[in-house]
Amino acid sequence: MKTALPAFSGDVFELTPEVFDAGLDAAHASPRRRIIFPIHRRPESLVQRMLNFMLPGTYVRPHLHPRDEAIETVQVLRGALGFVMFGDEGAVRSRHRLDTGGLIDIEPGLWHGLVVLEPDTVILEIKRGPYDAARDKVFADWAPAEGDAAAATYLESLAALFD
């Protein structure tokens, strides 16, 4: 299953209406209801920048980034997102509603997840690179895996935090 569009190539990236349209079209076509568009030019880039085009109902399993340098910044460019911070056992520590323009920046080693609250939500994610799939994240064993039958119910419980 395709999780990302091909990375941008070129010297200057500009976020245009055509980029929004292409990314959202790809998210609507994805069974995961989201798609990433890397705007950093190389996987080994020290600053990883990507657009994430997301639809309500997509499930992002709570996770943490274990590397000491693994900060993460998320800014909502369009739509709305619920950003949830968890304790080590899965209890909700805090919740943050991020509307268009909203930004959150977290340190490494913190359990977090998100809920898409509005159709056609687009976020900018910035993380320290280079990307290493084997070391990028640890998924919470207290949360259902993506594709698990319990994931939809769990996602509904997270969305209810923002009602």
C-alpha atoms as a PDB file:
ATOM      1  CA  MET A   1       0.000   0.000   0.000  1.00  0.00           C
ATOM      2  CA  LYS A   2       1.357   3.395  -1.006  1.00  0.00           C
ATOM      3  CA  THR A   3       2.014   5.628   2.029  1.00  0.00           C
ATOM      4  CA  ALA A   4       3.807   8.516   0.330  1.00  0.00           C
ATOM      5  CA  LEU A   5       4.005  10.399  -2.914  1.00  0.00           C
ATOM      6  CA  PRO A   6       7.404  10.725  -4.597  1.00  0.00           C
ATOM      7  CA  ALA A   7       9.584  13.320  -2.877  1.00  0.00           C
ATOM      8  CA  PHE A   8       9.728  16.795  -4.309  1.00  0.00           C
ATOM      9  CA  SER A   9      12.689  17.549  -6.549  1.00  0.00           C
ATOM     10  CA  GLY A  10      13.969  20.974  -7.437  1.00  0.00           C
ATOM     11  CA  ASP A  11      15.573  23.942  -5.778  1.00  0.00           C
ATOM     12  CA  VAL A  12      12.454  25.755  -4.543  1.00  0.00           C
ATOM     13  CA  PHE A  13       9.229  24.241  -3.230  1.00  0.00           C
ATOM     14  CA  GLU A  14       6.107  26.396  -3.218  1.00  0.00           C
ATOM     15  CA  LEU A  15       2.855  25.273  -1.634  1.00  0.00           C
ATOM     16  CA  THR A  16       0.311  26.024  -4.349  1.00  0.00           C
ATOM     17  CA  PRO A  17      -3.391  25.216  -4.767  1.00  0.00           C
ATOM     18  CA  GLU A  18      -2.305  22.510  -7.239  1.00  0.00           C
ATOM     19  CA  VAL A  19      -0.160  20.841  -4.547  1.00  0.00           C
ATOM     20  CA  PHE A  20      -3.114  20.905  -2.137  1.00  0.00           C
ATOM     21  CA  ASP A  21      -5.398  19.407  -4.802  1.00  0.00           C
ATOM     22  CA  ALA A  22      -2.967  16.644  -5.832  1.00  0.00           C
ATOM     23  CA  GLY A  23      -2.236  15.673  -2.225  1.00  0.00           C
ATOM     24  CA  LEU A  24      -5.874  15.599  -1.216  1.00  0.00           C
ATOM     25  CA  ASP A  25      -6.787  13.584  -4.331  1.00  0.00           C
ATOM     26  CA  ALA A  26      -4.136  11.042  -3.327  1.00  0.00           C
ATOM     27  CA  ALA A  27      -5.433  10.927   0.267  1.00  0.00           C
ATOM     28  CA  HIS A  28      -8.980  10.331  -0.982  1.00  0.00           C
ATOM     29  CA  ALA A  29      -7.698   7.464  -3.159  1.00  0.00           C
ATOM     30  CA  SER A  30      -5.726   5.878  -0.299  1.00  0.00           C
ATOM     31  CA  PRO A  31      -7.298   3.111   1.814  1.00  0.00           C
ATOM     32  CA  ARG A  32      -5.445   4.674   4.786  1.00  0.00           C
ATOM     33  CA  ARG A  33      -7.230   8.014   4.195  1.00  0.00           C
ATOM     34  CA  ARG A  34      -3.909   9.890   4.256  1.00  0.00           C
ATOM     35  CA  ILE A  35      -0.777  10.366   2.182  1.00  0.00           C
ATOM     36  CA  ILE A  36       2.601  11.969   2.834  1.00  0.00           C
ATOM     37  CA  PHE A  37       4.367  14.251   0.375  1.00  0.00           C
ATOM     38  CA  PRO A  38       8.042  14.641   1.337  1.00  0.00           C
ATOM     39  CA  ILE A  39       9.323  18.081   0.476  1.00  0.00           C
ATOM     40  CA  HIS A  40      12.866  17.399   1.658  1.00  0.00           C
ATOM     41  CA  ARG A  41      14.866  16.353  -1.356  1.00  0.00           C
ATOM     42  CA  ARG A  42      16.814  13.349   0.005  1.00  0.00           C
ATOM     43  CA  PRO A  43      16.082  10.647   2.605  1.00  0.00           C
ATOM     44  CA  GLU A  44      19.397  11.481   4.292  1.00  0.00           C
ATOM     45  CA  SER A  45      18.429  15.144   4.807  1.00  0.00           C
ATOM     46  CA  LEU A  46      19.089  16.270   8.370  1.00  0.00           C
ATOM     47  CA  VAL A  47      15.770  18.124   8.460  1.00  0.00           C
ATOM     48  CA  GLN A  48      12.830  16.057   7.255  1.00  0.00           C
ATOM     49  CA  ARG A  49       9.892  18.133   6.017  1.00  0.00           C
ATOM     50  CA  MET A  50       6.681  16.654   4.754  1.00  0.00           C
ATOM     51  CA  LEU A  51       3.096  17.510   4.052  1.00  0.00           C
ATOM     52  CA  ASN A  52       0.556  15.047   5.360  1.00  0.00           C
ATOM     53  CA  PHE A  53      -2.838  15.139   3.623  1.00  0.00           C
ATOM     54  CA  MET A  54      -5.391  13.573   5.954  1.00  0.00           C
ATOM     55  CA  LEU A  55      -9.082  12.734   6.099  1.00  0.00           C
ATOM     56  CA  PRO A  56     -11.301  12.014   9.103  1.00  0.00           C
ATOM     57  CA  GLY A  57     -11.243   8.320   9.911  1.00  0.00           C
ATOM     58  CA  THR A  58      -7.546   7.823   9.284  1.00  0.00           C
ATOM     59  CA  TYR A  59      -5.922   6.052  12.220  1.00  0.00           C
ATOM     60  CA  VAL A  60      -2.457   7.051  13.345  1.00  0.00           C
ATOM     61  CA  ARG A  61      -1.441   4.627  16.071  1.00  0.00           C
ATOM     62  CA  PRO A  62       0.006   6.359  19.131  1.00  0.00           C
ATOM     63  CA  HIS A  63       3.779   6.244  19.106  1.00  0.00           C
ATOM     64  CA  LEU A  64       6.936   7.912  20.300  1.00  0.00           C
ATOM     65  CA  HIS A  65      10.194   8.831  18.626  1.00  0.00           C
ATOM     66  CA  PRO A  66      12.955   7.227  20.723  1.00  0.00           C
ATOM     67  CA  ARG A  67      16.107   8.901  19.407  1.00  0.00           C
ATOM     68  CA  ASP A  68      17.415  11.702  21.646  1.00  0.00           C
ATOM     69  CA  GLU A  69      17.389  14.154  18.763  1.00  0.00           C
ATOM     70  CA  ALA A  70      13.903  13.194  17.510  1.00  0.00           C
ATOM     71  CA  ILE A  71      11.951  16.401  18.048  1.00  0.00           C
ATOM     72  CA  GLU A  72       8.750  16.810  16.058  1.00  0.00           C
ATOM     73  CA  THR A  73       6.924  19.942  14.963  1.00  0.00           C
ATOM     74  CA  VAL A  74       3.423  19.858  13.475  1.00  0.00           C
ATOM     75  CA  GLN A  75       1.591  22.833  11.998  1.00  0.00           C
ATOM     76  CA  VAL A  76      -1.924  22.688  10.593  1.00  0.00           C
ATOM     77  CA  LEU A  77      -2.083  24.359   7.188  1.00  0.00           C
ATOM     78  CA  ARG A  78      -5.732  23.545   6.501  1.00  0.00           C
ATOM     79  CA  GLY A  79      -8.472  21.918   8.568  1.00  0.00           C
ATOM     80  CA  ALA A  80      -8.192  20.823  12.191  1.00  0.00           C
ATOM     81  CA  LEU A  81      -6.355  18.194  14.168  1.00  0.00           C
ATOM     82  CA  GLY A  82      -6.649  16.780  17.659  1.00  0.00           C
ATOM     83  CA  PHE A  83      -3.180  16.099  19.085  1.00  0.00           C
ATOM     84  CA  VAL A  84      -3.118  13.785  22.118  1.00  0.00           C
ATOM     85  CA  MET A  85      -0.270  13.209  24.571  1.00  0.00           C
ATOM     86  CA  PHE A  86      -0.240   9.973  26.594  1.00  0.00           C
ATOM     87  CA  GLY A  87       1.482   8.591  29.665  1.00  0.00           C
ATOM     88  CA  ASP A  88       3.503   5.395  29.506  1.00  0.00           C
ATOM     89  CA  GLU A  89       0.447   3.216  30.175  1.00  0.00           C
ATOM     90  CA  GLY A  90      -1.819   4.984  27.678  1.00  0.00           C
ATOM     91  CA  ALA A  91      -3.662   7.430  29.948  1.00  0.00           C
ATOM     92  CA  VAL A  92      -4.350  10.762  28.248  1.00  0.00           C
ATOM     93  CA  ARG A  93      -2.002  13.416  29.698  1.00  0.00           C
ATOM     94  CA  SER A  94      -3.149  16.319  27.543  1.00  0.00           C
ATOM     95  CA  ARG A  95      -5.083  17.115  24.419  1.00  0.00           C
ATOM     96  CA  HIS A  96      -4.606  19.990  22.026  1.00  0.00           C
ATOM     97  CA  ARG A  97      -6.979  21.156  19.320  1.00  0.00           C
ATOM     98  CA  LEU A  98      -4.994  22.612  16.437  1.00  0.00           C
ATOM     99  CA  ASP A  99      -7.004  24.599  13.914  1.00  0.00           C
ATOM    100  CA  THR A 100      -5.565  26.157  10.754  1.00  0.00           C
ATOM    101  CA  GLY A 101      -2.345  27.890  11.763  1.00  0.00           C
ATOM    102  CA  GLY A 102      -2.027  25.928  15.008  1.00  0.00           C
ATOM    103  CA  LEU A 103       1.386  24.494  15.849  1.00  0.00           C
ATOM    104  CA  ILE A 104       2.741  22.010  18.361  1.00  0.00           C
ATOM    105  CA  ASP A 105       6.357  21.040  19.008  1.00  0.00           C
ATOM    106  CA  ILE A 106       7.277  18.055  21.169  1.00  0.00           C
ATOM    107  CA  GLU A 107      10.461  16.612  22.557  1.00  0.00           C
ATOM    108  CA  PRO A 108      11.611  13.028  21.868  1.00  0.00           C
ATOM    109  CA  GLY A 109      10.350  10.055  23.846  1.00  0.00           C
ATOM    110  CA  LEU A 110       6.787  11.314  24.367  1.00  0.00           C
ATOM    111  CA  TRP A 111       3.791   9.151  23.506  1.00  0.00           C
ATOM    112  CA  HIS A 112       1.483  10.971  21.112  1.00  0.00           C
ATOM    113  CA  GLY A 113      -1.205  10.439  18.529  1.00  0.00           C
ATOM    114  CA  LEU A 114      -3.648  12.450  16.514  1.00  0.00           C
ATOM    115  CA  VAL A 115      -7.206  12.625  15.280  1.00  0.00           C
ATOM    116  CA  VAL A 116      -8.292  14.396  12.108  1.00  0.00           C
ATOM    117  CA  LEU A 117     -11.216  16.646  13.041  1.00  0.00           C
ATOM    118  CA  GLU A 118     -12.110  18.245   9.689  1.00  0.00           C
ATOM    119  CA  PRO A 119     -12.227  17.015   6.094  1.00  0.00           C
ATOM    120  CA  ASP A 120      -9.206  17.673   3.905  1.00  0.00           C
ATOM    121  CA  THR A 121      -6.815  18.486   6.742  1.00  0.00           C
ATOM    122  CA  VAL A 122      -3.245  19.228   5.692  1.00  0.00           C
ATOM    123  CA  ILE A 123      -0.335  19.415   8.106  1.00  0.00           C
ATOM    124  CA  LEU A 124       3.319  20.267   7.814  1.00  0.00           C
ATOM    125  CA  GLU A 125       5.565  17.938   9.816  1.00  0.00           C
ATOM    126  CA  ILE A 126       9.179  18.710  10.559  1.00  0.00           C
ATOM    127  CA  LYS A 127      11.466  16.144  12.169  1.00  0.00           C
ATOM    128  CA  ARG A 128      15.181  15.617  12.574  1.00  0.00           C
ATOM    129  CA  GLY A 129      16.681  13.296   9.987  1.00  0.00           C
ATOM    130  CA  PRO A 130      17.979  11.316   8.444  1.00  0.00           C
ATOM    131  CA  TYR A 131      14.958   9.038   8.296  1.00  0.00           C
ATOM    132  CA  ASP A 132      15.561   5.466   9.429  1.00  0.00           C
ATOM    133  CA  ALA A 133      12.346   3.418   9.363  1.00  0.00           C
ATOM    134  CA  ALA A 134      13.776   0.877  11.824  1.00  0.00           C
ATOM    135  CA  ARG A 135      14.517   3.566  14.443  1.00  0.00           C
ATOM    136  CA  ASP A 136      12.006   6.344  13.708  1.00  0.00           C
ATOM    137  CA  LYS A 137       9.175   5.332  15.994  1.00  0.00           C
ATOM    138  CA  VAL A 138       7.975   2.862  18.585  1.00  0.00           C
ATOM    139  CA  PHE A 139       4.276   2.051  18.498  1.00  0.00           C
ATOM    140  CA  ALA A 140       2.309   1.861  21.748  1.00  0.00           C
ATOM    141  CA  ASP A 141       1.459  -1.703  22.701  1.00  0.00           C
ATOM    142  CA  TRP A 142      -1.565  -0.369  24.631  1.00  0.00           C
ATOM    143  CA  ALA A 143      -3.172   0.959  21.425  1.00  0.00           C
ATOM    144  CA  PRO A 144      -4.586  -1.184  18.598  1.00  0.00           C
ATOM    145  CA  ALA A 145      -2.425  -1.651  15.528  1.00  0.00           C
ATOM    146  CA  GLU A 146      -3.422  -0.017  12.260  1.00  0.00           C
ATOM    147  CA  GLY A 147      -5.860  -2.373  10.536  1.00  0.00           C
ATOM    148  CA  ASP A 148      -6.890  -4.080  13.788  1.00  0.00           C
ATOM    149  CA  ALA A 149     -10.667  -4.396  14.257  1.00  0.00           C
ATOM    150  CA  ALA A 150     -10.427  -2.436  17.536  1.00  0.00           C
ATOM    151  CA  ALA A 151      -8.724   0.557  15.896  1.00  0.00           C
ATOM    152  CA  ALA A 152     -11.966   2.214  14.763  1.00  0.00           C
ATOM    153  CA  THR A 153     -13.472   2.125  18.258  1.00  0.00           C
ATOM    154  CA  TYR A 154     -10.236   3.416  19.779  1.00  0.00           C
ATOM    155  CA  LEU A 155     -10.114   6.246  17.214  1.00  0.00           C
ATOM    156  CA  GLU A 156     -13.713   7.180  18.106  1.00  0.00           C
ATOM    157  CA  SER A 157     -12.734   7.400  21.786  1.00  0.00           C
ATOM    158  CA  LEU A 158      -9.890   9.776  20.901  1.00  0.00           C
ATOM    159  CA  ALA A 159     -12.154  11.880  18.679  1.00  0.00           C
ATOM    160  CA  ALA A 160     -14.635  12.161  21.563  1.00  0.00           C
ATOM    161  CA  LEU A 161     -11.961  14.049  23.519  1.00  0.00           C
ATOM    162  CA  PHE A 162     -12.548  16.954  21.120  1.00  0.00           C
ATOM    163  CA  ASP A 163     -16.380  17.052  21.121  1.00  0.00           C
END
